[in-house]
Structure formats: C-alpha cells, structure tokens
C-alpha cells in the first residue's frame, strides 16, 4: 500500500487505499472488424501522488499525479471485474471489456509504449494536476458529482486543460476523490492504434477515470 503524505490542516498523515483506488484510461474499439478488437482498461499501478486540502474549504483542494508510462498495465482481469460496474454506473462508457490473455496483453502494451504512441523513451511520464476546484456541478454530470475541477493532463509532453466533473466525499476519516472525462489521442499528437488497413483500430476518443480513496490513520 502506497503511503501518501497529505498537507492537511490538522493531522497531515493519510494513507492511499491502493486496493480501493484506480487511475486509468479507457480506450474504445472501432473499425469494420471491431468485433475482433477490444476496448482497453489501462491502469497506472504505482503512481506518485500529492494532495493538499484545507478540510474547512474544499475549494482549496489541489491534487497532483505522476506515473511512469512504461509501468502501465493493460486489461488485467482483476481490474475489469473490480471497476467495470462503477464505470458503467457513471454512464460515460457502456461497452464491455473482454478477456485478453497474457500474450495479447504484452503485444498491446508493446505497441502502446512504442514510438508511434506514448513513445516512452522520449516521454517517460504521464502527469496530471488540479489547477482549480469549484464547489458546483457541471451541466449533465451525474447527480452525486456536485463539484468540478480544471485539470491539466500531460501526455507525450503536451498539456491539455479541461474542466471535468468531480465527486469529493469526506466521511468517517475517509476521503474519496472521483473524476472522469473525455479526451482525444490526437490532442496529444498520438495516432490511435490501427491494423488491417484500419479495419481494426481504436477510436480517437478515450476516457480518463480516477477514483482515489484516502484513509485517516
């Protein structure tokens, strides 16, 4: 379990509940032969995190995230089973994830971190930072997403700022931070994976999903 020091007003020590948290992107299949393709759940297993919060004022929330691109995990069965129901509840992604064996997972990851996509040799890190927090919902957001954030998301050296729906719940010594949003690979200079002359490919649109739970010791 990853220990995270939060700069909290009263007691600074909190712990990230790794088993109850996920930092992920979701890609979508496309193409005439999409029946042979997969939607992918890509998870950052060991992120470096920083959270700053005045508990009397949620609008002071600041959150920073960083992970090594080459450590990303693709389509682990345990991630599919743990997170699919919650993702579907939020209604931004309704397709299913399918089982991908170890051999295919390795091939997918090799393509993903290669020079034509994430190019991890040149761009080793994926980073995100909350620039501002607003205690009011976005139009069309799920009912329990009563706040919004402006998020700076950095991939392949390119920064994209976007306002996203956010849910922050503090209760019984536990803090939950949940965010999702839509992006496009082309915004980051990435051409979505394509094979068989485009008959099997990924859509340009992908989704960011973060669900982080912290516990007071």
Protein backbone atom coordinates (compact mmCIF):
# COMPACT_ATOMS: atom_id res chain seq x y z
CA UNK A 1 0.00 0.00 0.00
CA UNK A 2 1.39 3.37 -1.01
CA UNK A 3 1.87 5.86 1.81
CA UNK A 4 0.83 9.38 0.85
CA UNK A 5 1.59 12.42 2.96
CA UNK A 6 -1.22 14.95 2.65
CA UNK A 7 -0.62 18.55 3.62
CA UNK A 8 -3.71 18.59 5.82
CA UNK A 9 -4.64 21.46 8.15
CA UNK A 10 -4.75 19.41 11.36
CA UNK A 11 -3.16 15.97 11.02
CA UNK A 12 -1.00 15.62 7.89
CA UNK A 13 -0.81 11.84 7.65
CA UNK A 14 -3.22 10.00 5.39
CA UNK A 15 -2.87 6.72 3.52
CA UNK A 16 -3.98 5.92 -0.01
CA UNK A 17 -6.10 2.75 -0.06
CA UNK A 18 -4.45 1.26 -3.12
CA UNK A 19 -6.83 -1.70 -3.26
CA UNK A 20 -9.82 0.66 -3.44
CA UNK A 21 -8.29 3.18 -5.86
CA UNK A 22 -7.67 3.33 -9.58
CA UNK A 23 -6.01 5.72 -12.03
CA UNK A 24 -6.99 4.63 -15.53
CA UNK A 25 -7.73 5.43 -19.14
CA UNK A 26 -10.30 3.61 -21.24
CA UNK A 27 -9.87 3.18 -24.99
CA UNK A 28 -12.65 2.25 -27.41
CA UNK A 29 -12.55 -0.13 -30.34
CA UNK A 30 -13.60 0.90 -33.84
CA UNK A 31 -13.39 -0.18 -37.49
CA UNK A 32 -15.28 -2.55 -39.76
CA UNK A 33 -13.76 -5.54 -37.97
CA UNK A 34 -14.20 -4.14 -34.46
CA UNK A 35 -15.66 -7.48 -33.40
CA UNK A 36 -12.08 -8.76 -33.41
CA UNK A 37 -10.81 -5.79 -31.37
CA UNK A 38 -11.07 -4.86 -27.69
CA UNK A 39 -11.94 -1.93 -25.51
CA UNK A 40 -9.00 -1.49 -23.15
CA UNK A 41 -8.70 -0.55 -19.49
CA UNK A 42 -5.20 0.82 -18.89
CA UNK A 43 -4.21 1.30 -15.24
CA UNK A 44 -1.29 3.11 -13.57
CA UNK A 45 -0.30 0.70 -10.76
CA UNK A 46 2.23 2.77 -8.78
CA UNK A 47 1.54 6.49 -9.17
CA UNK A 48 3.25 9.24 -7.22
CA UNK A 49 0.63 11.48 -5.64
CA UNK A 50 0.27 14.72 -3.73
CA UNK A 51 -2.93 16.07 -2.22
CA UNK A 52 -3.32 19.40 -0.46
CA UNK A 53 -6.60 20.27 1.25
CA UNK A 54 -8.00 22.59 3.90
CA UNK A 55 -10.86 20.46 5.31
CA UNK A 56 -12.87 23.60 6.07
CA UNK A 57 -12.84 24.66 2.42
CA UNK A 58 -12.94 22.05 -0.36
CA UNK A 59 -12.13 24.72 -2.94
CA UNK A 60 -8.54 24.64 -1.64
CA UNK A 61 -8.17 21.08 -2.97
CA UNK A 62 -5.06 20.51 -5.07
CA UNK A 63 -4.10 17.14 -6.50
CA UNK A 64 -1.03 16.06 -8.46
CA UNK A 65 -0.40 12.74 -10.16
CA UNK A 66 2.61 11.24 -11.91
CA UNK A 67 3.35 7.76 -13.25
CA UNK A 68 5.94 6.10 -15.44
CA UNK A 69 4.39 5.31 -18.82
CA UNK A 70 6.27 2.04 -19.17
CA UNK A 71 4.66 0.70 -15.96
CA UNK A 72 1.10 0.96 -17.26
CA UNK A 73 -0.89 -2.27 -17.01
CA UNK A 74 -3.34 -3.25 -19.77
CA UNK A 75 -6.54 -5.26 -19.33
CA UNK A 76 -5.80 -7.11 -16.11
CA UNK A 77 -8.79 -9.32 -15.37
CA UNK A 78 -8.92 -8.13 -11.76
CA UNK A 79 -9.18 -4.50 -12.90
CA UNK A 80 -12.02 -5.36 -15.28
CA UNK A 81 -14.03 -7.12 -12.59
CA UNK A 82 -13.37 -4.52 -9.90
CA UNK A 83 -14.13 -1.34 -11.84
CA UNK A 84 -16.50 -2.13 -14.71
CA UNK A 85 -19.73 -1.81 -12.71
CA UNK A 86 -18.79 1.58 -11.28
CA UNK A 87 -17.65 2.91 -14.65
CA UNK A 88 -20.90 1.78 -16.24
CA UNK A 89 -22.94 3.46 -13.47
CA UNK A 90 -21.43 6.79 -14.46
CA UNK A 91 -22.83 6.34 -17.98
CA UNK A 92 -19.87 7.74 -19.92
CA UNK A 93 -18.85 4.27 -21.13
CA UNK A 94 -21.32 1.43 -21.69
CA UNK A 95 -19.31 -1.08 -23.72
CA UNK A 96 -17.90 -4.24 -22.19
CA UNK A 97 -14.30 -5.22 -21.54
CA UNK A 98 -13.34 -8.64 -22.86
CA UNK A 99 -10.76 -11.10 -21.55
CA UNK A 100 -7.26 -10.59 -23.01
CA UNK A 101 -4.67 -13.29 -22.44
CA UNK A 102 -1.12 -12.60 -21.25
CA UNK A 103 0.40 -12.88 -24.73
CA UNK A 104 -2.00 -10.36 -26.26
CA UNK A 105 -1.67 -8.05 -23.25
CA UNK A 106 2.10 -7.97 -23.81
CA UNK A 107 1.63 -7.16 -27.52
CA UNK A 108 -0.85 -4.40 -26.75
CA UNK A 109 1.46 -2.85 -24.16
CA UNK A 110 4.45 -3.02 -26.52
CA UNK A 111 2.51 -1.10 -29.16
CA UNK A 112 1.13 1.36 -26.60
CA UNK A 113 4.51 2.39 -25.16
CA UNK A 114 6.27 2.35 -28.54
CA UNK A 115 7.45 5.33 -30.57
CA UNK A 116 4.23 5.63 -32.59
CA UNK A 117 2.08 6.10 -29.48
CA UNK A 118 3.33 7.02 -25.98
CA UNK A 119 6.98 6.94 -27.07
CA UNK A 120 8.17 6.34 -23.51
CA UNK A 121 11.85 6.68 -24.36
CA UNK A 122 11.27 10.36 -25.12
CA UNK A 123 8.27 10.96 -22.85
CA UNK A 124 8.67 8.70 -19.79
CA UNK A 125 5.98 10.30 -17.60
CA UNK A 126 2.23 10.86 -17.59
CA UNK A 127 1.18 13.69 -15.28
CA UNK A 128 -1.98 15.40 -14.09
CA UNK A 129 -2.60 18.38 -11.85
CA UNK A 130 -5.75 20.00 -10.48
CA UNK A 131 -5.48 23.71 -11.26
CA UNK A 132 -8.71 24.73 -9.55
CA UNK A 133 -11.66 23.21 -7.70
CA UNK A 134 -15.21 24.57 -7.89
CA UNK A 135 -17.93 23.51 -5.50
CA UNK A 136 -20.63 23.48 -8.17
CA UNK A 137 -21.59 20.79 -10.70
CA UNK A 138 -21.20 20.74 -14.44
CA UNK A 139 -24.35 20.56 -16.55
CA UNK A 140 -25.20 16.95 -17.33
CA UNK A 141 -22.90 15.45 -14.70
CA UNK A 142 -24.13 12.54 -12.54
CA UNK A 143 -26.20 13.73 -9.59
CA UNK A 144 -23.54 12.89 -7.00
CA UNK A 145 -20.80 14.77 -8.90
CA UNK A 146 -21.58 18.06 -7.21
CA UNK A 147 -18.25 19.73 -7.97
CA UNK A 148 -15.91 20.33 -10.89
CA UNK A 149 -12.18 20.75 -11.41
CA UNK A 150 -9.93 22.27 -14.01
CA UNK A 151 -7.39 19.54 -14.73
CA UNK A 152 -4.07 19.84 -16.53
CA UNK A 153 -3.36 16.46 -18.15
CA UNK A 154 0.09 15.95 -19.64
CA UNK A 155 0.88 13.11 -22.05
CA UNK A 156 3.75 12.94 -24.59
CA UNK A 157 4.88 16.34 -23.36
CA UNK A 158 1.61 18.04 -24.34
CA UNK A 159 -0.60 19.72 -21.74
CA UNK A 160 -4.37 19.78 -22.13
CA UNK A 161 -6.50 21.76 -19.66
CA UNK A 162 -10.11 20.65 -19.26
CA UNK A 163 -12.97 21.20 -16.83
CA UNK A 164 -14.24 17.84 -15.55
CA UNK A 165 -16.99 16.66 -13.19
CA UNK A 166 -15.74 15.73 -9.74
CA UNK A 167 -17.02 14.00 -6.63
CA UNK A 168 -15.30 14.56 -3.29
CA UNK A 169 -16.67 12.88 -0.16
CA UNK A 170 -15.15 13.18 3.31
CA UNK A 171 -16.72 11.00 5.99
CA UNK A 172 -15.63 8.85 8.93
CA UNK A 173 -11.94 9.53 8.47
CA UNK A 174 -12.01 8.73 4.76
CA UNK A 175 -11.69 10.96 1.71
CA UNK A 176 -12.78 9.87 -1.76
CA UNK A 177 -11.85 11.80 -4.93
CA UNK A 178 -13.51 10.69 -8.20
CA UNK A 179 -13.14 12.26 -11.65
CA UNK A 180 -13.81 11.28 -15.25
CA UNK A 181 -13.56 12.98 -18.61
CA UNK A 182 -13.23 12.65 -22.37
CA UNK A 183 -10.05 13.31 -24.37
CA UNK A 184 -8.71 12.55 -27.83
CA UNK A 185 -5.43 10.88 -28.67
CA UNK A 186 -4.92 13.44 -31.44
CA UNK A 187 -4.84 16.23 -28.82
CA UNK A 188 -1.60 14.67 -27.58
CA UNK A 189 -0.14 14.04 -31.03
CA UNK A 190 -0.90 10.30 -30.85
CA UNK A 191 -2.35 8.38 -33.77
CA UNK A 192 -4.75 5.73 -32.39
CA UNK A 193 -3.71 2.13 -32.92
CA UNK A 194 -4.75 0.77 -36.32
CA UNK A 195 -4.30 -2.58 -38.08
CA UNK A 196 -5.65 -4.39 -41.15
CA UNK A 197 -5.82 -1.10 -43.08
CA UNK A 198 -7.97 0.42 -40.36
CA UNK A 199 -10.47 -2.44 -40.14
CA UNK A 200 -9.31 -2.96 -36.54
CA UNK A 201 -8.46 0.22 -34.67
CA UNK A 202 -9.03 2.39 -31.63
CA UNK A 203 -11.30 5.41 -31.66
CA UNK A 204 -9.65 8.79 -31.27
CA UNK A 205 -11.71 9.47 -28.15
CA UNK A 206 -10.63 7.94 -24.85
CA UNK A 207 -11.66 8.47 -21.23
CA UNK A 208 -9.76 9.32 -18.08
CA UNK A 209 -11.10 7.79 -14.86
CA UNK A 210 -9.74 8.41 -11.36
CA UNK A 211 -11.18 7.01 -8.14
CA UNK A 212 -8.85 7.61 -5.21
CA UNK A 213 -9.65 6.77 -1.59
CA UNK A 214 -7.58 8.06 1.33
CA UNK A 215 -7.90 6.98 4.96
CA UNK A 216 -7.00 8.83 8.14
CA UNK A 217 -4.71 6.66 10.33
